[in-house]
PDB file of N, CA and C in Angstrom:
ATOM      1  N   MET A   1     -45.933 127.577-133.538  1.00  0.00           N
ATOM      2  CA  MET A   1     -47.256 127.200-133.974  1.00  0.00           C
ATOM      3  C   MET A   1     -47.858 126.241-132.962  1.00  0.00           C
ATOM      4  N   GLU A   2     -49.042 126.530-132.523  1.00  0.00           N
ATOM      5  CA  GLU A   2     -49.751 125.644-131.608  1.00  0.00           C
ATOM      6  C   GLU A   2     -50.653 124.718-132.405  1.00  0.00           C
ATOM      7  N   LEU A   3     -50.669 123.462-131.995  1.00  0.00           N
ATOM      8  CA  LEU A   3     -51.498 122.483-132.683  1.00  0.00           C
ATOM      9  C   LEU A   3     -52.881 122.442-132.061  1.00  0.00           C
ATOM     10  N   ASP A   4     -53.885 122.235-132.896  1.00  0.00           N
ATOM     11  CA  ASP A   4     -55.262 122.100-132.450  1.00  0.00           C
ATOM     12  C   ASP A   4     -55.395 120.791-131.669  1.00  0.00           C
ATOM     13  N   VAL A   5     -55.877 120.859-130.449  1.00  0.00           N
ATOM     14  CA  VAL A   5     -55.970 119.693-129.576  1.00  0.00           C
ATOM     15  C   VAL A   5     -56.812 118.580-130.204  1.00  0.00           C
ATOM     16  N   ALA A   6     -57.903 118.945-130.832  1.00  0.00           N
ATOM     17  CA  ALA A   6     -58.778 117.933-131.437  1.00  0.00           C
ATOM     18  C   ALA A   6     -58.069 117.174-132.551  1.00  0.00           C
ATOM     19  N   SER A   7     -57.206 117.861-133.287  1.00  0.00           N
ATOM     20  CA  SER A   7     -56.540 117.200-134.404  1.00  0.00           C
ATOM     21  C   SER A   7     -55.390 116.304-133.953  1.00  0.00           C
ATOM     22  N   VAL A   8     -54.887 116.507-132.748  1.00  0.00           N
ATOM     23  CA  VAL A   8     -53.780 115.667-132.270  1.00  0.00           C
ATOM     24  C   VAL A   8     -54.224 114.602-131.264  1.00  0.00           C
ATOM     25  N   THR A   9     -55.519 114.494-131.022  1.00  0.00           N
ATOM     26  CA  THR A   9     -56.003 113.462-130.098  1.00  0.00           C
ATOM     27  C   THR A   9     -55.554 112.060-130.508  1.00  0.00           C
ATOM     28  N   PRO A  10     -55.626 111.694-131.797  1.00  0.00           N
ATOM     29  CA  PRO A  10     -55.116 110.366-132.176  1.00  0.00           C
ATOM     30  C   PRO A  10     -53.617 110.205-131.899  1.00  0.00           C
ATOM     31  N   VAL A  11     -52.874 111.280-132.032  1.00  0.00           N
ATOM     32  CA  VAL A  11     -51.434 111.229-131.751  1.00  0.00           C
ATOM     33  C   VAL A  11     -51.206 111.012-130.264  1.00  0.00           C
ATOM     34  N   ILE A  12     -51.976 111.690-129.454  1.00  0.00           N
ATOM     35  CA  ILE A  12     -51.871 111.520-128.004  1.00  0.00           C
ATOM     36  C   ILE A  12     -52.156 110.073-127.631  1.00  0.00           C
ATOM     37  N   ASN A  13     -53.179 109.497-128.232  1.00  0.00           N
ATOM     38  CA  ASN A  13     -53.498 108.090-127.958  1.00  0.00           C
ATOM     39  C   ASN A  13     -52.365 107.166-128.394  1.00  0.00           C
ATOM     40  N   ARG A  14     -51.768 107.445-129.546  1.00  0.00           N
ATOM     41  CA  ARG A  14     -50.645 106.646-130.036  1.00  0.00           C
ATOM     42  C   ARG A  14     -49.454 106.737-129.071  1.00  0.00           C
ATOM     43  N   LEU A  15     -49.198 107.934-128.571  1.00  0.00           N
ATOM     44  CA  LEU A  15     -48.092 108.120-127.635  1.00  0.00           C
ATOM     45  C   LEU A  15     -48.340 107.394-126.310  1.00  0.00           C
ATOM     46  N   LYS A  16     -49.583 107.368-125.877  1.00  0.00           N
ATOM     47  CA  LYS A  16     -49.910 106.641-124.640  1.00  0.00           C
ATOM     48  C   LYS A  16     -49.693 105.141-124.823  1.00  0.00           C
ATOM     49  N   ARG A  17     -50.053 104.629-126.014  1.00  0.00           N
ATOM     50  CA  ARG A  17     -49.789 103.212-126.296  1.00  0.00           C
ATOM     51  C   ARG A  17     -48.291 102.944-126.330  1.00  0.00           C
ATOM     52  N   ALA A  18     -47.542 103.851-126.946  1.00  0.00           N
ATOM     53  CA  ALA A  18     -46.083 103.699-127.011  1.00  0.00           C
ATOM     54  C   ALA A  18     -45.477 103.732-125.615  1.00  0.00           C
ATOM     55  N   GLN A  19     -46.030 104.559-124.756  1.00  0.00           N
ATOM     56  CA  GLN A  19     -45.563 104.634-123.375  1.00  0.00           C
ATOM     57  C   GLN A  19     -45.759 103.286-122.682  1.00  0.00           C
ATOM     58  N   GLY A  20     -46.893 102.665-122.913  1.00  0.00           N
ATOM     59  CA  GLY A  20     -47.152 101.340-122.356  1.00  0.00           C
ATOM     60  C   GLY A  20     -46.212 100.293-122.928  1.00  0.00           C
ATOM     61  N   GLN A  21     -45.948 100.386-124.225  1.00  0.00           N
ATOM     62  CA  GLN A  21     -45.009  99.454-124.850  1.00  0.00           C
ATOM     63  C   GLN A  21     -43.603  99.630-124.277  1.00  0.00           C
ATOM     64  N   LEU A  22     -43.204 100.867-124.052  1.00  0.00           N
ATOM     65  CA  LEU A  22     -41.882 101.122-123.489  1.00  0.00           C
ATOM     66  C   LEU A  22     -41.780 100.582-122.067  1.00  0.00           C
ATOM     67  N   ALA A  23     -42.833 100.722-121.293  1.00  0.00           N
ATOM     68  CA  ALA A  23     -42.853 100.153-119.946  1.00  0.00           C
ATOM     69  C   ALA A  23     -42.716  98.635-120.015  1.00  0.00           C
ATOM     70  N   ALA A  24     -43.339  98.042-121.039  1.00  0.00           N
ATOM     71  CA  ALA A  24     -43.225  96.591-121.217  1.00  0.00           C
ATOM     72  C   ALA A  24     -41.789  96.190-121.547  1.00  0.00           C
ATOM     73  N   VAL A  25     -41.105  96.995-122.354  1.00  0.00           N
ATOM     74  CA  VAL A  25     -39.700  96.712-122.684  1.00  0.00           C
ATOM     75  C   VAL A  25     -38.853  96.749-121.418  1.00  0.00           C
ATOM     76  N   THR A  26     -39.061  97.763-120.602  1.00  0.00           N
ATOM     77  CA  THR A  26     -38.309  97.869-119.348  1.00  0.00           C
ATOM     78  C   THR A  26     -38.566  96.658-118.467  1.00  0.00           C
ATOM     79  N   ARG A  27     -39.827  96.280-118.351  1.00  0.00           N
ATOM     80  CA  ARG A  27     -40.187  95.117-117.542  1.00  0.00           C
ATOM     81  C   ARG A  27     -39.549  93.843-118.100  1.00  0.00           C
ATOM     82  N   MET A  28     -39.568  93.712-119.419  1.00  0.00           N
ATOM     83  CA  MET A  28     -38.970  92.534-120.053  1.00  0.00           C
ATOM     84  C   MET A  28     -37.471  92.447-119.739  1.00  0.00           C
ATOM     85  N   LEU A  29     -36.794  93.577-119.774  1.00  0.00           N
ATOM     86  CA  LEU A  29     -35.363  93.596-119.461  1.00  0.00           C
ATOM     87  C   LEU A  29     -35.116  93.229-117.997  1.00  0.00           C
ATOM     88  N   GLU A  30     -35.954  93.764-117.121  1.00  0.00           N
ATOM     89  CA  GLU A  30     -35.810  93.469-115.695  1.00  0.00           C
ATOM     90  C   GLU A  30     -36.070  91.998-115.386  1.00  0.00           C
ATOM     91  N   GLU A  31     -36.928  91.382-116.199  1.00  0.00           N
ATOM     92  CA  GLU A  31     -37.273  89.981-115.974  1.00  0.00           C
ATOM     93  C   GLU A  31     -36.388  89.019-116.754  1.00  0.00           C
ATOM     94  N   GLY A  32     -35.433  89.559-117.520  1.00  0.00           N
ATOM     95  CA  GLY A  32     -34.516  88.709-118.263  1.00  0.00           C
ATOM     96  C   GLY A  32     -35.139  88.026-119.467  1.00  0.00           C
ATOM     97  N   SER A  33     -36.043  88.695-120.129  1.00  0.00           N
ATOM     98  CA  SER A  33     -36.709  88.121-121.295  1.00  0.00           C
ATOM     99  C   SER A  33     -35.730  87.884-122.440  1.00  0.00           C
ATOM    100  N   ASP A  34     -36.176  87.075-123.390  1.00  0.00           N
ATOM    101  CA  ASP A  34     -35.382  86.745-124.563  1.00  0.00           C
ATOM    102  C   ASP A  34     -35.044  88.013-125.352  1.00  0.00           C
ATOM    103  N   CYS A  35     -33.812  88.100-125.814  1.00  0.00           N
ATOM    104  CA  CYS A  35     -33.318  89.274-126.539  1.00  0.00           C
ATOM    105  C   CYS A  35     -34.186  89.576-127.761  1.00  0.00           C
ATOM    106  N   LYS A  36     -34.550  88.552-128.508  1.00  0.00           N
ATOM    107  CA  LYS A  36     -35.353  88.751-129.714  1.00  0.00           C
ATOM    108  C   LYS A  36     -36.688  89.406-129.378  1.00  0.00           C
ATOM    109  N   ASP A  37     -37.319  88.959-128.305  1.00  0.00           N
ATOM    110  CA  ASP A  37     -38.606  89.522-127.894  1.00  0.00           C
ATOM    111  C   ASP A  37     -38.457  90.983-127.477  1.00  0.00           C
ATOM    112  N   VAL A  38     -37.377  91.281-126.763  1.00  0.00           N
ATOM    113  CA  VAL A  38     -37.137  92.656-126.304  1.00  0.00           C
ATOM    114  C   VAL A  38     -36.916  93.577-127.504  1.00  0.00           C
ATOM    115  N   VAL A  39     -36.083  93.144-128.439  1.00  0.00           N
ATOM    116  CA  VAL A  39     -35.789  93.974-129.612  1.00  0.00           C
ATOM    117  C   VAL A  39     -37.034  94.169-130.464  1.00  0.00           C
ATOM    118  N   THR A  40     -37.843  93.138-130.598  1.00  0.00           N
ATOM    119  CA  THR A  40     -39.094  93.247-131.355  1.00  0.00           C
ATOM    120  C   THR A  40     -40.015  94.283-130.726  1.00  0.00           C
ATOM    121  N   GLN A  41     -40.150  94.232-129.421  1.00  0.00           N
ATOM    122  CA  GLN A  41     -41.006  95.186-128.715  1.00  0.00           C
ATOM    123  C   GLN A  41     -40.425  96.601-128.804  1.00  0.00           C
ATOM    124  N   LEU A  42     -39.122  96.721-128.683  1.00  0.00           N
ATOM    125  CA  LEU A  42     -38.468  98.029-128.773  1.00  0.00           C
ATOM    126  C   LEU A  42     -38.655  98.620-130.172  1.00  0.00           C
ATOM    127  N   SER A  43     -38.608  97.784-131.189  1.00  0.00           N
ATOM    128  CA  SER A  43     -38.846  98.234-132.554  1.00  0.00           C
ATOM    129  C   SER A  43     -40.262  98.775-132.704  1.00  0.00           C
ATOM    130  N   ALA A  44     -41.217  98.120-132.081  1.00  0.00           N
ATOM    131  CA  ALA A  44     -42.605  98.585-132.129  1.00  0.00           C
ATOM    132  C   ALA A  44     -42.744  99.957-131.477  1.00  0.00           C
ATOM    133  N   VAL A  45     -42.046 100.156-130.370  1.00  0.00           N
ATOM    134  CA  VAL A  45     -42.074 101.460-129.688  1.00  0.00           C
ATOM    135  C   VAL A  45     -41.500 102.529-130.601  1.00  0.00           C
ATOM    136  N   SER A  46     -40.374 102.227-131.208  1.00  0.00           N
ATOM    137  CA  SER A  46     -39.710 103.184-132.086  1.00  0.00           C
ATOM    138  C   SER A  46     -40.608 103.575-133.257  1.00  0.00           C
ATOM    139  N   LYS A  47     -41.244 102.602-133.877  1.00  0.00           N
ATOM    140  CA  LYS A  47     -42.136 102.879-135.005  1.00  0.00           C
ATOM    141  C   LYS A  47     -43.339 103.699-134.565  1.00  0.00           C
ATOM    142  N   ALA A  48     -43.870 103.409-133.394  1.00  0.00           N
ATOM    143  CA  ALA A  48     -45.013 104.174-132.882  1.00  0.00           C
ATOM    144  C   ALA A  48     -44.631 105.635-132.661  1.00  0.00           C
ATOM    145  N   LEU A  49     -43.438 105.866-132.128  1.00  0.00           N
ATOM    146  CA  LEU A  49     -42.979 107.237-131.910  1.00  0.00           C
ATOM    147  C   LEU A  49     -42.754 107.952-133.235  1.00  0.00           C
ATOM    148  N   ASP A  50     -42.165 107.249-134.207  1.00  0.00           N
ATOM    149  CA  ASP A  50     -41.971 107.848-135.526  1.00  0.00           C
ATOM    150  C   ASP A  50     -43.302 108.237-136.151  1.00  0.00           C
ATOM    151  N   ARG A  51     -44.266 107.335-136.079  1.00  0.00           N
ATOM    152  CA  ARG A  51     -45.592 107.624-136.658  1.00  0.00           C
ATOM    153  C   ARG A  51     -46.240 108.820-135.971  1.00  0.00           C
ATOM    154  N   ALA A  52     -46.077 108.903-134.671  1.00  0.00           N
ATOM    155  CA  ALA A  52     -46.640 110.046-133.938  1.00  0.00           C
ATOM    156  C   ALA A  52     -45.981 111.339-134.402  1.00  0.00           C
ATOM    157  N   GLY A  53     -44.673 111.313-134.555  1.00  0.00           N
ATOM    158  CA  GLY A  53     -43.958 112.502-135.030  1.00  0.00           C
ATOM    159  C   GLY A  53     -44.404 112.920-136.416  1.00  0.00           C
ATOM    160  N   PHE A  54     -44.533 111.953-137.317  1.00  0.00           N
ATOM    161  CA  PHE A  54     -44.983 112.271-138.665  1.00  0.00           C
ATOM    162  C   PHE A  54     -46.409 112.817-138.656  1.00  0.00           C
ATOM    163  N   ALA A  55     -47.252 112.278-137.809  1.00  0.00           N
ATOM    164  CA  ALA A  55     -48.627 112.765-137.714  1.00  0.00           C
ATOM    165  C   ALA A  55     -48.663 114.201-137.207  1.00  0.00           C
ATOM    166  N   ILE A  56     -47.801 114.515-136.264  1.00  0.00           N
ATOM    167  CA  ILE A  56     -47.734 115.888-135.751  1.00  0.00           C
ATOM    168  C   ILE A  56     -47.280 116.836-136.855  1.00  0.00           C
ATOM    169  N   ILE A  57     -46.263 116.431-137.607  1.00  0.00           N
ATOM    170  CA  ILE A  57     -45.770 117.275-138.696  1.00  0.00           C
ATOM    171  C   ILE A  57     -46.842 117.440-139.770  1.00  0.00           C
ATOM    172  N   ALA A  58     -47.531 116.356-140.105  1.00  0.00           N
ATOM    173  CA  ALA A  58     -48.591 116.441-141.111  1.00  0.00           C
ATOM    174  C   ALA A  58     -49.686 117.401-140.660  1.00  0.00           C
ATOM    175  N   THR A  59     -50.036 117.355-139.388  1.00  0.00           N
ATOM    176  CA  THR A  59     -51.044 118.270-138.853  1.00  0.00           C
ATOM    177  C   THR A  59     -50.551 119.710-138.941  1.00  0.00           C
ATOM    178  N   GLY A  60     -49.286 119.901-138.601  1.00  0.00           N
ATOM    179  CA  GLY A  60     -48.708 121.240-138.701  1.00  0.00           C
ATOM    180  C   GLY A  60     -48.700 121.754-140.125  1.00  0.00           C
ATOM    181  N   MET A  61     -48.367 120.880-141.066  1.00  0.00           N
ATOM    182  CA  MET A  61     -48.375 121.274-142.475  1.00  0.00           C
ATOM    183  C   MET A  61     -49.781 121.651-142.921  1.00  0.00           C
ATOM    184  N   GLU A  62     -50.732 120.868-142.496  1.00  0.00           N
ATOM    185  CA  GLU A  62     -52.122 121.144-142.857  1.00  0.00           C
ATOM    186  C   GLU A  62     -52.554 122.505-142.323  1.00  0.00           C
ATOM    187  N   GLN A  63     -52.197 122.792-141.086  1.00  0.00           N
ATOM    188  CA  GLN A  63     -52.569 124.075-140.486  1.00  0.00           C
ATOM    189  C   GLN A  63     -51.844 125.223-141.173  1.00  0.00           C
ATOM    190  N   CYS A  64     -50.591 124.995-141.571  1.00  0.00           N
ATOM    191  CA  CYS A  64     -49.846 126.043-142.268  1.00  0.00           C
ATOM    192  C   CYS A  64     -50.479 126.347-143.620  1.00  0.00           C
ATOM    193  N   LEU A  65     -50.898 125.294-144.318  1.00  0.00           N
ATOM    194  CA  LEU A  65     -51.533 125.501-145.611  1.00  0.00           C
ATOM    195  C   LEU A  65     -52.847 126.254-145.468  1.00  0.00           C
ATOM    196  N   ALA A  66     -53.500 126.061-144.336  1.00  0.00           N
ATOM    197  CA  ALA A  66     -54.757 126.761-144.086  1.00  0.00           C
ATOM    198  C   ALA A  66     -54.508 128.207-143.672  1.00  0.00           C
ATOM    199  N   GLY A  67     -53.227 128.545-143.411  1.00  0.00           N
ATOM    200  CA  GLY A  67     -52.876 129.924-143.084  1.00  0.00           C
ATOM    201  C   GLY A  67     -53.211 130.336-141.675  1.00  0.00           C
ATOM    202  N   GLY A  68     -53.184 129.400-140.740  1.00  0.00           N
ATOM    203  CA  GLY A  68     -53.491 129.716-139.352  1.00  0.00           C
ATOM    204  C   GLY A  68     -52.428 130.592-138.704  1.00  0.00           C
ATOM    205  N   ASP A  69     -52.743 131.085-137.529  1.00  0.00           N
ATOM    206  CA  ASP A  69     -51.794 131.901-136.771  1.00  0.00           C
ATOM    207  C   ASP A  69     -50.566 131.090-136.411  1.00  0.00           C
ATOM    208  N   GLY A  70     -49.425 131.722-136.405  1.00  0.00           N
ATOM    209  CA  GLY A  70     -48.190 131.055-136.028  1.00  0.00           C
ATOM    210  C   GLY A  70     -47.706 130.062-137.062  1.00  0.00           C
ATOM    211  N   ALA A  71     -48.142 130.239-138.300  1.00  0.00           N
ATOM    212  CA  ALA A  71     -47.775 129.318-139.369  1.00  0.00           C
ATOM    213  C   ALA A  71     -46.264 129.281-139.542  1.00  0.00           C
ATOM    214  N   MET A  72     -45.775 128.095-139.810  1.00  0.00           N
ATOM    215  CA  MET A  72     -44.347 127.904-140.041  1.00  0.00           C
ATOM    216  C   MET A  72     -44.089 127.955-141.538  1.00  0.00           C
ATOM    217  N   ASP A  73     -42.878 128.375-141.907  1.00  0.00           N
ATOM    218  CA  ASP A  73     -42.566 128.377-143.326  1.00  0.00           C
ATOM    219  C   ASP A  73     -42.050 127.005-143.760  1.00  0.00           C
ATOM    220  N   LYS A  74     -41.872 126.844-145.043  1.00  0.00           N
ATOM    221  CA  LYS A  74     -41.473 125.564-145.613  1.00  0.00           C
ATOM    222  C   LYS A  74     -40.155 125.067-145.025  1.00  0.00           C
ATOM    223  N   LYS A  75     -39.215 125.969-144.827  1.00  0.00           N
ATOM    224  CA  LYS A  75     -37.904 125.590-144.289  1.00  0.00           C
ATOM    225  C   LYS A  75     -38.032 125.024-142.874  1.00  0.00           C
ATOM    226  N   ASP A  76     -38.845 125.653-142.051  1.00  0.00           N
ATOM    227  CA  ASP A  76     -39.044 125.167-140.682  1.00  0.00           C
ATOM    228  C   ASP A  76     -39.713 123.784-140.666  1.00  0.00           C
ATOM    229  N   LEU A  77     -40.711 123.603-141.525  1.00  0.00           N
ATOM    230  CA  LEU A  77     -41.388 122.314-141.613  1.00  0.00           C
ATOM    231  C   LEU A  77     -40.434 121.226-142.111  1.00  0.00           C
ATOM    232  N   GLU A  78     -39.611 121.567-143.088  1.00  0.00           N
ATOM    233  CA  GLU A  78     -38.629 120.600-143.595  1.00  0.00           C
ATOM    234  C   GLU A  78     -37.654 120.198-142.493  1.00  0.00           C
ATOM    235  N   LYS A  79     -37.225 121.171-141.723  1.00  0.00           N
ATOM    236  CA  LYS A  79     -36.304 120.884-140.617  1.00  0.00           C
ATOM    237  C   LYS A  79     -36.939 119.929-139.601  1.00  0.00           C
ATOM    238  N   LEU A  80     -38.199 120.160-139.279  1.00  0.00           N
ATOM    239  CA  LEU A  80     -38.913 119.280-138.365  1.00  0.00           C
ATOM    240  C   LEU A  80     -39.019 117.860-138.941  1.00  0.00           C
ATOM    241  N   PHE A  81     -39.392 117.803-140.211  1.00  0.00           N
ATOM    242  CA  PHE A  81     -39.539 116.496-140.864  1.00  0.00           C
ATOM    243  C   PHE A  81     -38.225 115.728-140.851  1.00  0.00           C
ATOM    244  N   LEU A  82     -37.145 116.402-141.192  1.00  0.00           N
ATOM    245  CA  LEU A  82     -35.835 115.734-141.238  1.00  0.00           C
ATOM    246  C   LEU A  82     -35.323 115.346-139.861  1.00  0.00           C
ATOM    247  N   SER A  83     -35.818 115.992-138.836  1.00  0.00           N
ATOM    248  CA  SER A  83     -35.372 115.629-137.481  1.00  0.00           C
ATOM    249  C   SER A  83     -35.829 114.226-137.108  1.00  0.00           C
ATOM    250  N   LEU A  84     -36.831 113.707-137.812  1.00  0.00           N
ATOM    251  CA  LEU A  84     -37.321 112.350-137.553  1.00  0.00           C
ATOM    252  C   LEU A  84     -36.637 111.311-138.432  1.00  0.00           C
ATOM    253  N   ALA A  85     -35.894 111.765-139.409  1.00  0.00           N
ATOM    254  CA  ALA A  85     -35.242 110.829-140.341  1.00  0.00           C
ATOM    255  C   ALA A  85     -34.033 110.164-139.706  1.00  0.00           C
TER     256      ALA A  85
END
């Protein structure tokens, strides 16, 4: 199933922010930053990626319910959802 580009634009933006956060984590490690600060930032990256994944799945579910081409069945969607758990 292909996702509609317009519907995933917010996800793309979220992923770009997460990419910047991940670069910050790498920089923090290279600069010897405090462990607590690094873990806090890494947690933010992880949550951003999870949210992006859930948003992609929600978009896919919405498109499947609308009966678009390449629709996935319930089992496939469940498998995708659980892959983020």
